[in-house]
Amino acid sequence: MDALKGLYSEPELRQPHSAIPEIREPEMIYENYESILKKYTKPVVRKLYDWYHRLEGAYPYLGNVRMRIVDFPTKFGLFIERTKNTIRFYLRPIAQTFGAKLIGTNEELYDVSIFPEIGGKKREMLSKYRLKPPNPERVIGEEKFHTLQEREGIIDRYVNKFGWEEARKYIEGAAASISDYLFGETGIYQTWKNKFRDLTRSVGFRRAYSGAF
């Protein structure tokens, strides 16, 4: 993650975490499972505040968001297994949405499977088929970053420049790259992360991040 590591090599951005003053936590609206959502959201917000302060010298607005745990449908694929005398058809999970920021609203949705406390059988089933859910902080961090992208006009700038289909690759690539750096690396959106990182090498991190190039 060269571009992101380079960001933190700048002297003015190497301020220690303890130097960031205490601030009032943004108000979230937890529509269900409040204790679980709060448990994982507070440290995520703190890290995002720290990161943003190092980047911009200010704090982002992340409050007034409605957060809800839901049961997103799992996408299954039909597979065929042939033996000498039989043909067997079976379904296997092939894709799962773990989180979503609903653009144009203040809503963020999180799949039940990412939370060890309540993920239960769905979490076990996904893990069995190599769809192990990311940790809650990683998913919450990425959706919070989408909220930040929308509120700062970054999504609009990318869409105006490229159209939605192409813009989405940079929007998701940026959110996933920075979330990897802050909350733990995953293989999610790898192609689009590479696309965003190529852009940072071309125009610089700040311009790539903001969409202002």
Protein backbone atom coordinates (compact mmCIF):
# COMPACT_ATOMS: atom_id res chain seq x y z
CA MET A 1 0.00 0.00 0.00
CA ASP A 2 2.75 2.39 -1.06
CA ALA A 3 0.60 5.45 -1.66
CA LEU A 4 -0.98 5.30 1.78
CA LYS A 5 2.29 4.60 3.55
CA GLY A 6 3.78 7.55 1.70
CA LEU A 7 1.06 9.75 3.08
CA TYR A 8 2.18 9.06 6.63
CA SER A 9 5.82 9.72 5.84
CA GLU A 10 5.14 13.46 5.51
CA PRO A 11 6.40 15.21 8.69
CA GLU A 12 3.20 17.17 9.31
CA LEU A 13 1.20 13.94 9.21
CA ARG A 14 3.27 12.05 11.76
CA GLN A 15 1.51 13.63 14.72
CA PRO A 16 1.20 11.00 17.49
CA HIS A 17 -2.25 9.71 18.26
CA SER A 18 -2.10 11.10 21.80
CA ALA A 19 -1.71 14.61 20.41
CA ILE A 20 -5.17 14.50 18.83
CA PRO A 21 -7.40 16.38 21.29
CA GLU A 22 -10.41 14.70 22.80
CA ILE A 23 -13.57 15.46 20.85
CA ARG A 24 -17.23 14.76 21.32
CA GLU A 25 -18.26 11.50 19.69
CA PRO A 26 -20.69 12.01 16.77
CA GLU A 27 -24.25 10.99 17.49
CA MET A 28 -25.32 7.78 15.79
CA ILE A 29 -28.83 6.40 15.60
CA TYR A 30 -28.64 2.69 16.38
CA GLU A 31 -31.90 1.21 15.06
CA ASN A 32 -31.29 -2.23 16.58
CA TYR A 33 -28.62 -4.14 18.52
CA GLU A 34 -27.40 -0.86 19.99
CA SER A 35 -24.82 -2.33 22.35
CA ILE A 36 -23.19 -4.41 19.60
CA LEU A 37 -23.12 -1.60 17.04
CA LYS A 38 -21.78 0.88 19.57
CA LYS A 39 -19.08 -1.55 20.69
CA TYR A 40 -17.58 -1.76 17.18
CA THR A 41 -18.42 1.73 15.90
CA LYS A 42 -16.70 3.85 18.55
CA PRO A 43 -13.13 2.64 17.86
CA VAL A 44 -13.74 2.89 14.11
CA VAL A 45 -14.84 6.51 14.35
CA ARG A 46 -11.85 7.31 16.54
CA LYS A 47 -9.45 5.90 13.91
CA LEU A 48 -11.21 7.75 11.10
CA TYR A 49 -11.02 11.01 13.06
CA ASP A 50 -7.33 10.45 13.66
CA TRP A 51 -6.66 9.64 9.98
CA TYR A 52 -8.68 12.59 8.71
CA HIS A 53 -7.08 15.00 11.15
CA ARG A 54 -3.64 13.95 9.95
CA LEU A 55 -4.75 14.48 6.36
CA GLU A 56 -6.79 17.69 6.60
CA GLY A 57 -6.03 19.20 10.01
CA ALA A 58 -9.75 19.09 10.83
CA TYR A 59 -12.40 16.56 11.79
CA PRO A 60 -14.94 14.93 9.45
CA TYR A 61 -18.67 15.03 10.05
CA LEU A 62 -19.82 11.46 10.68
CA GLY A 63 -22.84 12.05 12.91
CA ASN A 64 -26.59 11.70 12.32
CA VAL A 65 -26.27 8.29 10.68
CA ARG A 66 -28.86 5.55 11.06
CA MET A 67 -27.15 2.19 11.57
CA ARG A 68 -28.99 -1.10 11.34
CA ILE A 69 -28.08 -4.79 11.39
CA VAL A 70 -29.93 -6.73 8.70
CA ASP A 71 -29.88 -10.17 7.09
CA PHE A 72 -28.72 -9.53 3.52
CA PRO A 73 -29.59 -12.33 1.12
CA THR A 74 -26.80 -14.72 0.20
CA LYS A 75 -26.19 -15.36 -3.49
CA PHE A 76 -26.06 -19.06 -4.33
CA GLY A 77 -24.70 -20.75 -7.42
CA LEU A 78 -25.93 -24.01 -8.95
CA PHE A 79 -23.20 -26.63 -9.31
CA ILE A 80 -23.19 -29.97 -11.07
CA GLU A 81 -21.14 -32.93 -9.94
CA ARG A 82 -20.87 -35.87 -12.31
CA THR A 83 -19.72 -39.36 -11.42
CA LYS A 84 -19.72 -42.50 -13.54
CA ASN A 85 -23.34 -43.36 -12.78
CA THR A 86 -24.91 -40.23 -11.33
CA ILE A 87 -25.30 -36.51 -11.73
CA ARG A 88 -25.73 -34.43 -8.59
CA PHE A 89 -27.01 -30.86 -8.50
CA TYR A 90 -26.36 -28.70 -5.47
CA LEU A 91 -26.38 -25.07 -4.36
CA ARG A 92 -23.42 -23.33 -2.77
CA PRO A 93 -23.03 -19.73 -1.54
CA ILE A 94 -20.87 -17.67 -3.90
CA ALA A 95 -21.34 -14.06 -2.78
CA GLN A 96 -22.46 -12.11 0.25
CA THR A 97 -23.03 -8.41 0.91
CA PHE A 98 -21.56 -7.52 4.31
CA GLY A 99 -22.33 -3.81 4.44
CA ALA A 100 -24.00 -1.05 2.43
CA LYS A 101 -24.18 2.74 2.55
CA LEU A 102 -27.48 3.79 0.98
CA ILE A 103 -26.48 6.73 -1.21
CA GLY A 104 -28.78 9.73 -0.84
CA THR A 105 -29.78 8.73 2.70
CA ASN A 106 -28.16 8.72 6.13
CA GLU A 107 -28.48 4.95 6.41
CA GLU A 108 -25.80 2.29 6.77
CA LEU A 109 -26.72 -1.40 6.82
CA TYR A 110 -24.62 -4.26 8.16
CA ASP A 111 -25.10 -7.97 7.67
CA VAL A 112 -25.67 -10.02 10.79
CA SER A 113 -22.90 -12.45 9.79
CA ILE A 114 -20.04 -10.02 10.51
CA PHE A 115 -20.83 -9.92 14.23
CA PRO A 116 -19.52 -12.93 16.20
CA GLU A 117 -22.09 -12.33 18.94
CA ILE A 118 -25.11 -12.88 16.68
CA GLY A 119 -23.77 -14.23 13.35
CA GLY A 120 -24.48 -17.82 14.32
CA LYS A 121 -25.22 -20.37 11.62
CA LYS A 122 -24.94 -17.91 8.75
CA ARG A 123 -21.41 -16.98 9.79
CA GLU A 124 -20.46 -20.66 10.00
CA MET A 125 -22.02 -21.45 6.63
CA LEU A 126 -20.21 -18.61 4.85
CA SER A 127 -16.89 -19.51 6.46
CA LYS A 128 -17.27 -23.11 5.33
CA TYR A 129 -17.43 -21.98 1.69
CA ARG A 130 -14.53 -19.50 1.79
CA LEU A 131 -16.76 -16.48 2.35
CA LYS A 132 -15.61 -15.83 5.89
CA PRO A 133 -17.03 -12.47 6.99
CA PRO A 134 -14.52 -9.67 7.60
CA ASN A 135 -14.25 -8.33 11.13
CA PRO A 136 -16.95 -5.80 12.09
CA GLU A 137 -14.52 -2.87 12.32
CA ARG A 138 -13.36 -3.45 8.75
CA VAL A 139 -16.90 -3.40 7.35
CA ILE A 140 -18.10 -0.49 9.47
CA GLY A 141 -14.98 1.48 8.58
CA GLU A 142 -15.55 1.07 4.86
CA GLU A 143 -19.21 2.14 5.04
CA LYS A 144 -18.31 5.12 7.24
CA PHE A 145 -15.78 6.09 4.62
CA HIS A 146 -18.53 5.98 1.97
CA THR A 147 -20.58 8.30 4.16
CA LEU A 148 -17.60 10.65 4.26
CA GLN A 149 -17.12 10.40 0.48
CA GLU A 150 -20.75 11.33 -0.12
CA ARG A 151 -20.85 14.23 2.34
CA GLU A 152 -17.66 15.76 0.95
CA GLY A 153 -18.82 15.60 -2.65
CA ILE A 154 -16.20 13.02 -3.63
CA ILE A 155 -18.75 10.62 -5.09
CA ASP A 156 -20.32 13.39 -7.17
CA ARG A 157 -16.94 14.49 -8.52
CA TYR A 158 -16.06 10.97 -9.63
CA VAL A 159 -19.48 10.33 -11.16
CA ASN A 160 -19.39 13.65 -13.05
CA LYS A 161 -15.94 12.79 -14.36
CA PHE A 162 -16.39 9.14 -15.32
CA GLY A 163 -20.08 8.18 -15.13
CA TRP A 164 -21.38 5.81 -12.44
CA GLU A 165 -20.02 2.48 -13.71
CA GLU A 166 -16.41 3.63 -13.99
CA ALA A 167 -16.61 5.99 -11.00
CA ARG A 168 -17.72 3.17 -8.73
CA LYS A 169 -14.38 1.40 -9.27
CA TYR A 170 -12.47 4.39 -7.89
CA ILE A 171 -14.99 5.08 -5.11
CA GLU A 172 -14.92 1.49 -3.87
CA GLY A 173 -11.19 1.18 -4.50
CA ALA A 174 -10.45 4.24 -2.37
CA ALA A 175 -12.72 3.16 0.49
CA ALA A 176 -11.34 -0.38 0.47
CA SER A 177 -7.70 0.74 0.26
CA ILE A 178 -7.94 3.16 3.16
CA SER A 179 -10.01 0.69 5.19
CA ASP A 180 -7.35 -1.95 4.57
CA TYR A 181 -4.77 0.46 5.95
CA LEU A 182 -6.78 1.44 9.03
CA PHE A 183 -8.77 -1.67 9.93
CA GLY A 184 -7.07 -4.71 8.44
CA GLU A 185 -6.37 -5.90 4.91
CA THR A 186 -8.80 -8.09 2.97
CA GLY A 187 -9.08 -9.32 -0.61
CA ILE A 188 -12.29 -7.37 -1.17
CA TYR A 189 -12.36 -5.22 -4.34
CA GLN A 190 -8.73 -6.09 -5.10
CA THR A 191 -8.93 -5.08 -8.76
CA TRP A 192 -10.52 -1.75 -7.87
CA LYS A 193 -8.03 -1.14 -5.07
CA ASN A 194 -5.26 -1.58 -7.61
CA LYS A 195 -7.01 0.88 -9.91
CA PHE A 196 -7.19 3.51 -7.15
CA ARG A 197 -3.56 2.92 -6.18
CA ASP A 198 -2.48 3.35 -9.79
CA LEU A 199 -4.33 6.68 -9.79
CA THR A 200 -2.53 7.81 -6.62
CA ARG A 201 0.80 7.11 -8.29
CA SER A 202 -0.32 9.17 -11.28
CA VAL A 203 -1.88 12.26 -9.65
CA GLY A 204 -0.90 11.99 -5.96
CA PHE A 205 -2.87 10.68 -3.01
CA ARG A 206 -4.75 13.84 -2.06
CA ARG A 207 -6.04 14.48 -5.56
CA ALA A 208 -6.96 10.84 -6.10
CA TYR A 209 -8.71 10.67 -2.73
CA SER A 210 -10.76 13.83 -3.33
CA GLY A 211 -11.53 13.20 -7.00
CA ALA A 212 -10.24 16.72 -7.77
CA PHE A 213 -7.90 16.08 -10.70
